[in-house]
Amino acid sequence: MLNAISSLKGFDIQAKDGSLGTVSDFLFDDSTWKVRWLVVDTGRWLTGRKVLIHPSAVGYADYGLRALTVALTKTQVEDSPNIAQ
């Protein structure tokens, strides 16, 4: 089944140890059109912060629950790159 990448916007991100936030955007390589990063709004967990998560960390997409699992912990995400707002 084909899905537009934009359909993942707003999906909850589930880490190994809890919820991280939601997908807010994607960063693409402008020459290959590959997704290089998912931009995740951490919401109340890390107030006002958006972090970058590499697509290789993404596990399963549950379209029914609108959630993505990632092979990361909250500590790893907290230490991940911050996107300039």
Protein backbone atom coordinates (compact mmCIF):
# COMPACT_ATOMS: atom_id res chain seq x y z
CA MET A 1 0.00 0.00 0.00
CA LEU A 2 1.30 3.46 -0.89
CA ASN A 3 0.84 6.37 1.50
CA ALA A 4 1.88 9.99 1.20
CA ILE A 5 4.55 10.95 3.72
CA SER A 6 2.37 13.89 4.74
CA SER A 7 -0.15 11.39 6.15
CA LEU A 8 2.32 10.81 9.01
CA LYS A 9 2.09 14.41 10.22
CA GLY A 10 0.50 14.47 13.65
CA PHE A 11 1.33 10.83 14.40
CA ASP A 12 2.35 10.15 18.01
CA ILE A 13 5.95 9.03 18.48
CA GLN A 14 6.31 6.13 20.91
CA ALA A 15 9.79 5.50 22.32
CA LYS A 16 10.90 2.40 24.18
CA ASP A 17 9.97 4.10 27.46
CA GLY A 18 6.98 6.32 26.65
CA SER A 19 5.50 8.97 24.42
CA LEU A 20 7.83 11.59 22.90
CA GLY A 21 5.53 13.92 21.01
CA THR A 22 4.18 14.15 17.48
CA VAL A 23 5.55 14.31 13.94
CA SER A 24 5.40 17.93 12.81
CA ASP A 25 7.40 17.90 9.57
CA PHE A 26 10.06 16.19 7.45
CA LEU A 27 13.43 17.30 6.10
CA PHE A 28 14.30 16.02 2.62
CA ASP A 29 17.51 15.77 0.65
CA ASP A 30 16.85 18.18 -2.22
CA SER A 31 18.76 16.12 -4.79
CA THR A 32 17.45 12.62 -4.01
CA TRP A 33 14.10 13.46 -2.36
CA LYS A 34 14.85 11.02 0.46
CA VAL A 35 13.58 11.81 3.92
CA ARG A 36 16.65 12.66 5.99
CA TRP A 37 14.95 13.59 9.29
CA LEU A 38 11.57 13.54 11.00
CA VAL A 39 10.87 16.74 12.91
CA VAL A 40 9.21 15.88 16.21
CA ASP A 41 7.39 18.41 18.38
CA THR A 42 8.01 17.22 21.93
CA GLY A 43 4.99 19.10 23.28
CA ARG A 44 4.77 19.28 27.06
CA TRP A 45 7.54 16.76 27.61
CA LEU A 46 10.31 19.14 26.43
CA THR A 47 8.26 22.31 26.17
CA GLY A 48 8.84 24.37 23.05
CA ARG A 49 11.45 22.03 21.62
CA LYS A 50 11.50 20.27 18.27
CA VAL A 51 14.00 17.47 17.74
CA LEU A 52 15.27 15.60 14.70
CA ILE A 53 14.91 11.83 14.49
CA HIS A 54 16.61 9.83 11.76
CA PRO A 55 14.27 7.57 9.70
CA SER A 56 16.43 4.54 10.54
CA ALA A 57 15.12 4.77 14.12
CA VAL A 58 11.50 4.38 12.99
CA GLY A 59 10.02 0.95 13.52
CA TYR A 60 6.33 0.35 12.97
CA ALA A 61 3.64 2.76 11.73
CA ASP A 62 0.20 2.06 13.19
CA TYR A 63 -2.25 3.95 10.98
CA GLY A 64 -5.21 2.97 13.17
CA LEU A 65 -3.68 4.51 16.29
CA ARG A 66 -1.83 7.20 14.30
CA ALA A 67 1.44 6.27 16.00
CA LEU A 68 5.04 5.52 15.05
CA THR A 69 7.33 3.44 17.21
CA VAL A 70 10.99 4.38 17.37
CA ALA A 71 13.97 2.37 18.61
CA LEU A 72 15.05 5.15 20.96
CA THR A 73 14.65 6.07 24.61
CA LYS A 74 13.49 9.42 25.95
CA THR A 75 17.05 10.17 27.06
CA GLN A 76 18.38 9.55 23.54
CA VAL A 77 15.75 11.90 22.10
CA GLU A 78 16.45 14.54 24.73
CA ASP A 79 20.12 14.43 23.65
CA SER A 80 19.24 14.50 19.92
CA PRO A 81 19.74 17.55 17.69
CA ASN A 82 17.43 20.50 18.27
CA ILE A 83 15.95 22.13 15.18
CA ALA A 84 16.12 25.93 15.01
CA GLN A 85 12.64 27.42 15.24
